[in-house]
PDB file of all heavy atoms in Angstrom:
ATOM      1  N   GLN A   1      11.124 -61.567  -9.856  1.00  0.00           N
ATOM      2  CA  GLN A   1      11.691 -62.825 -10.320  1.00  0.00           C
ATOM      3  C   GLN A   1      11.811 -63.811  -9.164  1.00  0.00           C
ATOM      4  O   GLN A   1      12.089 -63.430  -8.031  1.00  0.00           O
ATOM      5  CB  GLN A   1      13.097 -62.620 -10.906  1.00  0.00           C
ATOM      6  CG  GLN A   1      13.129 -61.903 -12.240  1.00  0.00           C
ATOM      7  CD  GLN A   1      14.551 -61.802 -12.769  1.00  0.00           C
ATOM      8  OE1 GLN A   1      15.515 -61.830 -12.006  1.00  0.00           O
ATOM      9  NE2 GLN A   1      14.688 -61.695 -14.073  1.00  0.00           N
ATOM     10  N   TYR A   2      11.581 -65.097  -9.480  1.00  0.00           N
ATOM     11  CA  TYR A   2      11.981 -66.181  -8.586  1.00  0.00           C
ATOM     12  C   TYR A   2      12.468 -67.296  -9.493  1.00  0.00           C
ATOM     13  O   TYR A   2      11.690 -67.889 -10.248  1.00  0.00           O
ATOM     14  CB  TYR A   2      10.842 -66.656  -7.688  1.00  0.00           C
ATOM     15  CG  TYR A   2      11.340 -67.635  -6.641  1.00  0.00           C
ATOM     16  CD1 TYR A   2      11.848 -67.178  -5.439  1.00  0.00           C
ATOM     17  CD2 TYR A   2      11.347 -69.005  -6.896  1.00  0.00           C
ATOM     18  CE1 TYR A   2      12.349 -68.060  -4.492  1.00  0.00           C
ATOM     19  CE2 TYR A   2      11.844 -69.892  -5.955  1.00  0.00           C
ATOM     20  CZ  TYR A   2      12.345 -69.414  -4.757  1.00  0.00           C
ATOM     21  OH  TYR A   2      12.859 -70.296  -3.830  1.00  0.00           O
ATOM     22  N   LEU A   3      13.786 -67.552  -9.453  1.00  0.00           N
ATOM     23  CA  LEU A   3      14.422 -68.407 -10.458  1.00  0.00           C
ATOM     24  C   LEU A   3      14.790 -69.773  -9.884  1.00  0.00           C
ATOM     25  O   LEU A   3      15.209 -69.886  -8.732  1.00  0.00           O
ATOM     26  CB  LEU A   3      15.690 -67.731 -10.994  1.00  0.00           C
ATOM     27  CG  LEU A   3      15.522 -66.300 -11.520  1.00  0.00           C
ATOM     28  CD1 LEU A   3      16.861 -65.744 -11.988  1.00  0.00           C
ATOM     29  CD2 LEU A   3      14.499 -66.257 -12.655  1.00  0.00           C
ATOM     30  N   PHE A   4      14.634 -70.801 -10.726  1.00  0.00           N
ATOM     31  CA  PHE A   4      15.057 -72.153 -10.363  1.00  0.00           C
ATOM     32  C   PHE A   4      15.625 -72.826 -11.599  1.00  0.00           C
ATOM     33  O   PHE A   4      15.073 -72.707 -12.693  1.00  0.00           O
ATOM     34  CB  PHE A   4      13.893 -72.975  -9.813  1.00  0.00           C
ATOM     35  CG  PHE A   4      14.329 -74.235  -9.115  1.00  0.00           C
ATOM     36  CD1 PHE A   4      14.586 -74.240  -7.753  1.00  0.00           C
ATOM     37  CD2 PHE A   4      14.519 -75.407  -9.832  1.00  0.00           C
ATOM     38  CE1 PHE A   4      15.009 -75.399  -7.111  1.00  0.00           C
ATOM     39  CE2 PHE A   4      14.939 -76.570  -9.198  1.00  0.00           C
ATOM     40  CZ  PHE A   4      15.189 -76.563  -7.828  1.00  0.00           C
ATOM     41  N   THR A   5      16.748 -73.568 -11.407  1.00  0.00           N
ATOM     42  CA  THR A   5      17.513 -74.105 -12.536  1.00  0.00           C
ATOM     43  C   THR A   5      17.708 -75.613 -12.408  1.00  0.00           C
ATOM     44  O   THR A   5      17.930 -76.128 -11.306  1.00  0.00           O
ATOM     45  CB  THR A   5      18.895 -73.432 -12.605  1.00  0.00           C
ATOM     46  OG1 THR A   5      18.715 -72.010 -12.711  1.00  0.00           O
ATOM     47  CG2 THR A   5      19.703 -73.931 -13.790  1.00  0.00           C
ATOM     48  N   SER A   6      17.660 -76.311 -13.533  1.00  0.00           N
ATOM     49  CA  SER A   6      18.009 -77.734 -13.610  1.00  0.00           C
ATOM     50  C   SER A   6      18.917 -77.959 -14.810  1.00  0.00           C
ATOM     51  O   SER A   6      18.821 -77.247 -15.811  1.00  0.00           O
ATOM     52  CB  SER A   6      16.764 -78.610 -13.754  1.00  0.00           C
ATOM     53  OG  SER A   6      15.926 -78.511 -12.623  1.00  0.00           O
ATOM     54  N   GLU A   7      19.797 -78.958 -14.694  1.00  0.00           N
ATOM     55  CA  GLU A   7      20.679 -79.310 -15.810  1.00  0.00           C
ATOM     56  C   GLU A   7      20.433 -80.750 -16.252  1.00  0.00           C
ATOM     57  O   GLU A   7      19.870 -81.560 -15.504  1.00  0.00           O
ATOM     58  CB  GLU A   7      22.163 -79.149 -15.425  1.00  0.00           C
ATOM     59  CG  GLU A   7      22.674 -80.221 -14.487  1.00  0.00           C
ATOM     60  CD  GLU A   7      24.179 -80.461 -14.586  1.00  0.00           C
ATOM     61  OE1 GLU A   7      24.814 -79.993 -15.545  1.00  0.00           O
ATOM     62  OE2 GLU A   7      24.695 -81.150 -13.698  1.00  0.00           O
ATOM     63  N   VAL A   8      20.870 -81.057 -17.465  1.00  0.00           N
ATOM     64  CA  VAL A   8      20.777 -82.406 -18.031  1.00  0.00           C
ATOM     65  C   VAL A   8      22.059 -82.664 -18.818  1.00  0.00           C
ATOM     66  O   VAL A   8      22.641 -81.731 -19.400  1.00  0.00           O
ATOM     67  CB  VAL A   8      19.545 -82.533 -18.956  1.00  0.00           C
ATOM     68  CG1 VAL A   8      19.604 -83.801 -19.785  1.00  0.00           C
ATOM     69  CG2 VAL A   8      18.265 -82.522 -18.129  1.00  0.00           C
ATOM     70  N   VAL A   9      22.508 -83.922 -18.816  1.00  0.00           N
ATOM     71  CA  VAL A   9      23.634 -84.311 -19.666  1.00  0.00           C
ATOM     72  C   VAL A   9      23.164 -85.392 -20.641  1.00  0.00           C
ATOM     73  O   VAL A   9      22.278 -86.178 -20.327  1.00  0.00           O
ATOM     74  CB  VAL A   9      24.845 -84.812 -18.848  1.00  0.00           C
ATOM     75  CG1 VAL A   9      25.337 -83.725 -17.906  1.00  0.00           C
ATOM     76  CG2 VAL A   9      24.522 -86.083 -18.072  1.00  0.00           C
ATOM     77  N   SER A  10      23.772 -85.429 -21.801  1.00  0.00           N
ATOM     78  CA  SER A  10      23.403 -86.408 -22.824  1.00  0.00           C
ATOM     79  C   SER A  10      24.051 -87.757 -22.534  1.00  0.00           C
ATOM     80  O   SER A  10      24.963 -87.864 -21.694  1.00  0.00           O
ATOM     81  CB  SER A  10      23.877 -85.911 -24.195  1.00  0.00           C
ATOM     82  OG  SER A  10      25.292 -86.045 -24.281  1.00  0.00           O
ATOM     83  N   PRO A  11      23.639 -88.817 -23.253  1.00  0.00           N
ATOM     84  CA  PRO A  11      24.277 -90.126 -23.092  1.00  0.00           C
ATOM     85  C   PRO A  11      25.777 -90.106 -23.353  1.00  0.00           C
ATOM     86  O   PRO A  11      26.507 -90.976 -22.851  1.00  0.00           O
ATOM     87  CB  PRO A  11      23.555 -90.996 -24.124  1.00  0.00           C
ATOM     88  CG  PRO A  11      22.199 -90.381 -24.238  1.00  0.00           C
ATOM     89  CD  PRO A  11      22.445 -88.895 -24.120  1.00  0.00           C
ATOM     90  N   GLY A  12      26.274 -89.119 -24.111  1.00  0.00           N
ATOM     91  CA  GLY A  12      27.694 -89.060 -24.419  1.00  0.00           C
ATOM     92  C   GLY A  12      28.561 -88.494 -23.314  1.00  0.00           C
ATOM     93  O   GLY A  12      29.791 -88.535 -23.401  1.00  0.00           O
ATOM     94  N   HIS A  13      27.943 -87.940 -22.255  1.00  0.00           N
ATOM     95  CA  HIS A  13      28.724 -87.456 -21.118  1.00  0.00           C
ATOM     96  C   HIS A  13      29.391 -88.651 -20.432  1.00  0.00           C
ATOM     97  O   HIS A  13      28.776 -89.708 -20.286  1.00  0.00           O
ATOM     98  CB  HIS A  13      27.809 -86.715 -20.149  1.00  0.00           C
ATOM     99  CG  HIS A  13      28.530 -86.059 -19.016  1.00  0.00           C
ATOM    100  ND1 HIS A  13      28.977 -86.775 -17.914  1.00  0.00           N
ATOM    101  CD2 HIS A  13      28.902 -84.772 -18.808  1.00  0.00           C
ATOM    102  CE1 HIS A  13      29.575 -85.954 -17.074  1.00  0.00           C
ATOM    103  NE2 HIS A  13      29.545 -84.725 -17.603  1.00  0.00           N
ATOM    104  N   PRO A  14      30.645 -88.538 -20.002  1.00  0.00           N
ATOM    105  CA  PRO A  14      31.351 -89.695 -19.418  1.00  0.00           C
ATOM    106  C   PRO A  14      30.624 -90.354 -18.251  1.00  0.00           C
ATOM    107  O   PRO A  14      30.646 -91.586 -18.123  1.00  0.00           O
ATOM    108  CB  PRO A  14      32.692 -89.099 -18.985  1.00  0.00           C
ATOM    109  CG  PRO A  14      32.919 -87.985 -19.948  1.00  0.00           C
ATOM    110  CD  PRO A  14      31.563 -87.403 -20.206  1.00  0.00           C
ATOM    111  N   ASP A  15      29.976 -89.577 -17.377  1.00  0.00           N
ATOM    112  CA  ASP A  15      29.211 -90.188 -16.285  1.00  0.00           C
ATOM    113  C   ASP A  15      28.068 -91.033 -16.829  1.00  0.00           C
ATOM    114  O   ASP A  15      27.776 -92.123 -16.326  1.00  0.00           O
ATOM    115  CB  ASP A  15      28.646 -89.118 -15.348  1.00  0.00           C
ATOM    116  CG  ASP A  15      29.719 -88.459 -14.488  1.00  0.00           C
ATOM    117  OD1 ASP A  15      30.747 -89.104 -14.215  1.00  0.00           O
ATOM    118  OD2 ASP A  15      29.520 -87.297 -14.093  1.00  0.00           O
ATOM    119  N   LYS A  16      27.400 -90.526 -17.853  1.00  0.00           N
ATOM    120  CA  LYS A  16      26.306 -91.294 -18.453  1.00  0.00           C
ATOM    121  C   LYS A  16      26.834 -92.516 -19.198  1.00  0.00           C
ATOM    122  O   LYS A  16      26.182 -93.566 -19.213  1.00  0.00           O
ATOM    123  CB  LYS A  16      25.498 -90.412 -19.401  1.00  0.00           C
ATOM    124  CG  LYS A  16      24.551 -89.464 -18.727  1.00  0.00           C
ATOM    125  CD  LYS A  16      23.305 -90.162 -18.175  1.00  0.00           C
ATOM    126  CE  LYS A  16      23.432 -90.499 -16.723  1.00  0.00           C
ATOM    127  NZ  LYS A  16      22.434 -91.448 -16.242  1.00  0.00           N
ATOM    128  N   CYS A  17      28.001 -92.395 -19.815  1.00  0.00           N
ATOM    129  CA  CYS A  17      28.617 -93.569 -20.449  1.00  0.00           C
ATOM    130  C   CYS A  17      28.808 -94.678 -19.425  1.00  0.00           C
ATOM    131  O   CYS A  17      28.521 -95.853 -19.691  1.00  0.00           O
ATOM    132  CB  CYS A  17      29.965 -93.201 -21.074  1.00  0.00           C
ATOM    133  SG  CYS A  17      29.856 -92.163 -22.547  1.00  0.00           S
ATOM    134  N   ALA A  18      29.282 -94.302 -18.234  1.00  0.00           N
ATOM    135  CA  ALA A  18      29.487 -95.285 -17.164  1.00  0.00           C
ATOM    136  C   ALA A  18      28.159 -95.918 -16.762  1.00  0.00           C
ATOM    137  O   ALA A  18      28.063 -97.143 -16.598  1.00  0.00           O
ATOM    138  CB  ALA A  18      30.164 -94.623 -15.968  1.00  0.00           C
ATOM    139  N   ASP A  19      27.114 -95.103 -16.605  1.00  0.00           N
ATOM    140  CA  ASP A  19      25.796 -95.627 -16.250  1.00  0.00           C
ATOM    141  C   ASP A  19      25.275 -96.584 -17.322  1.00  0.00           C
ATOM    142  O   ASP A  19      24.730 -97.652 -17.013  1.00  0.00           O
ATOM    143  CB  ASP A  19      24.798 -94.475 -16.099  1.00  0.00           C
ATOM    144  CG  ASP A  19      25.004 -93.655 -14.842  1.00  0.00           C
ATOM    145  OD1 ASP A  19      25.616 -94.169 -13.884  1.00  0.00           O
ATOM    146  OD2 ASP A  19      24.547 -92.494 -14.809  1.00  0.00           O
ATOM    147  N   ILE A  20      25.404 -96.194 -18.566  1.00  0.00           N
ATOM    148  CA  ILE A  20      24.867 -96.998 -19.672  1.00  0.00           C
ATOM    149  C   ILE A  20      25.614 -98.320 -19.810  1.00  0.00           C
ATOM    150  O   ILE A  20      25.005 -99.375 -20.023  1.00  0.00           O
ATOM    151  CB  ILE A  20      24.906 -96.183 -20.982  1.00  0.00           C
ATOM    152  CG1 ILE A  20      23.923 -95.010 -20.892  1.00  0.00           C
ATOM    153  CG2 ILE A  20      24.577 -97.061 -22.185  1.00  0.00           C
ATOM    154  CD1 ILE A  20      24.130 -93.940 -21.946  1.00  0.00           C
ATOM    155  N   ILE A  21      26.932 -98.290 -19.671  1.00  0.00           N
ATOM    156  CA  ILE A  21      27.711 -99.538 -19.713  1.00  0.00           C
ATOM    157  C   ILE A  21      27.292-100.454 -18.567  1.00  0.00           C
ATOM    158  O   ILE A  21      27.057-101.656 -18.752  1.00  0.00           O
ATOM    159  CB  ILE A  21      29.215 -99.234 -19.649  1.00  0.00           C
ATOM    160  CG1 ILE A  21      29.683 -98.560 -20.936  1.00  0.00           C
ATOM    161  CG2 ILE A  21      30.017-100.522 -19.408  1.00  0.00           C
ATOM    162  CD1 ILE A  21      31.080 -97.966 -20.847  1.00  0.00           C
ATOM    163  N   ALA A  22      27.179 -99.877 -17.358  1.00  0.00           N
ATOM    164  CA  ALA A  22      26.792-100.675 -16.190  1.00  0.00           C
ATOM    165  C   ALA A  22      25.430-101.325 -16.395  1.00  0.00           C
ATOM    166  O   ALA A  22      25.232-102.512 -16.091  1.00  0.00           O
ATOM    167  CB  ALA A  22      26.788 -99.804 -14.937  1.00  0.00           C
ATOM    168  N   ASP A  23      24.482-100.564 -16.924  1.00  0.00           N
ATOM    169  CA  ASP A  23      23.145-101.125 -17.108  1.00  0.00           C
ATOM    170  C   ASP A  23      23.050-102.024 -18.332  1.00  0.00           C
ATOM    171  O   ASP A  23      22.143-102.862 -18.418  1.00  0.00           O
ATOM    172  CB  ASP A  23      22.114 -99.998 -17.164  1.00  0.00           C
ATOM    173  CG  ASP A  23      21.698 -99.551 -15.768  1.00  0.00           C
ATOM    174  OD1 ASP A  23      21.944-100.311 -14.811  1.00  0.00           O
ATOM    175  OD2 ASP A  23      21.128 -98.451 -15.630  1.00  0.00           O
ATOM    176  N   SER A  24      23.954-101.891 -19.271  1.00  0.00           N
ATOM    177  CA  SER A  24      24.031-102.861 -20.366  1.00  0.00           C
ATOM    178  C   SER A  24      24.426-104.230 -19.817  1.00  0.00           C
ATOM    179  O   SER A  24      23.941-105.269 -20.284  1.00  0.00           O
ATOM    180  CB  SER A  24      25.052-102.401 -21.414  1.00  0.00           C
ATOM    181  OG  SER A  24      24.652-101.197 -22.033  1.00  0.00           O
ATOM    182  N   ILE A  25      25.289-104.226 -18.816  1.00  0.00           N
ATOM    183  CA  ILE A  25      25.667-105.477 -18.137  1.00  0.00           C
ATOM    184  C   ILE A  25      24.480-106.039 -17.363  1.00  0.00           C
ATOM    185  O   ILE A  25      24.191-107.242 -17.415  1.00  0.00           O
ATOM    186  CB  ILE A  25      26.878-105.232 -17.211  1.00  0.00           C
ATOM    187  CG1 ILE A  25      28.110-104.872 -18.037  1.00  0.00           C
ATOM    188  CG2 ILE A  25      27.154-106.463 -16.340  1.00  0.00           C
ATOM    189  CD1 ILE A  25      29.269-104.347 -17.222  1.00  0.00           C
ATOM    190  N   VAL A  26      23.762-105.157 -16.644  1.00  0.00           N
ATOM    191  CA  VAL A  26      22.560-105.586 -15.908  1.00  0.00           C
ATOM    192  C   VAL A  26      21.558-106.223 -16.870  1.00  0.00           C
ATOM    193  O   VAL A  26      21.016-107.309 -16.603  1.00  0.00           O
ATOM    194  CB  VAL A  26      21.921-104.399 -15.161  1.00  0.00           C
ATOM    195  CG1 VAL A  26      20.570-104.795 -14.572  1.00  0.00           C
ATOM    196  CG2 VAL A  26      22.845-103.893 -14.054  1.00  0.00           C
ATOM    197  N   ASP A  27      21.308-105.583 -18.008  1.00  0.00           N
ATOM    198  CA  ASP A  27      20.384-106.124 -19.007  1.00  0.00           C
ATOM    199  C   ASP A  27      20.812-107.516 -19.459  1.00  0.00           C
ATOM    200  O   ASP A  27      20.008-108.453 -19.476  1.00  0.00           O
ATOM    201  CB  ASP A  27      20.310-105.198 -20.227  1.00  0.00           C
ATOM    202  CG  ASP A  27      19.477-103.958 -19.995  1.00  0.00           C
ATOM    203  OD1 ASP A  27      18.495-104.037 -19.245  1.00  0.00           O
ATOM    204  OD2 ASP A  27      19.820-102.901 -20.567  1.00  0.00           O
TER     205      ASP A  27
END
């Protein structure tokens, strides 16, 4: 075995909410 892991969060995650709000302002 040689293992490697990555994670993802959905738009509903609070950090992503902050990103989306910020970029809604940029838009």
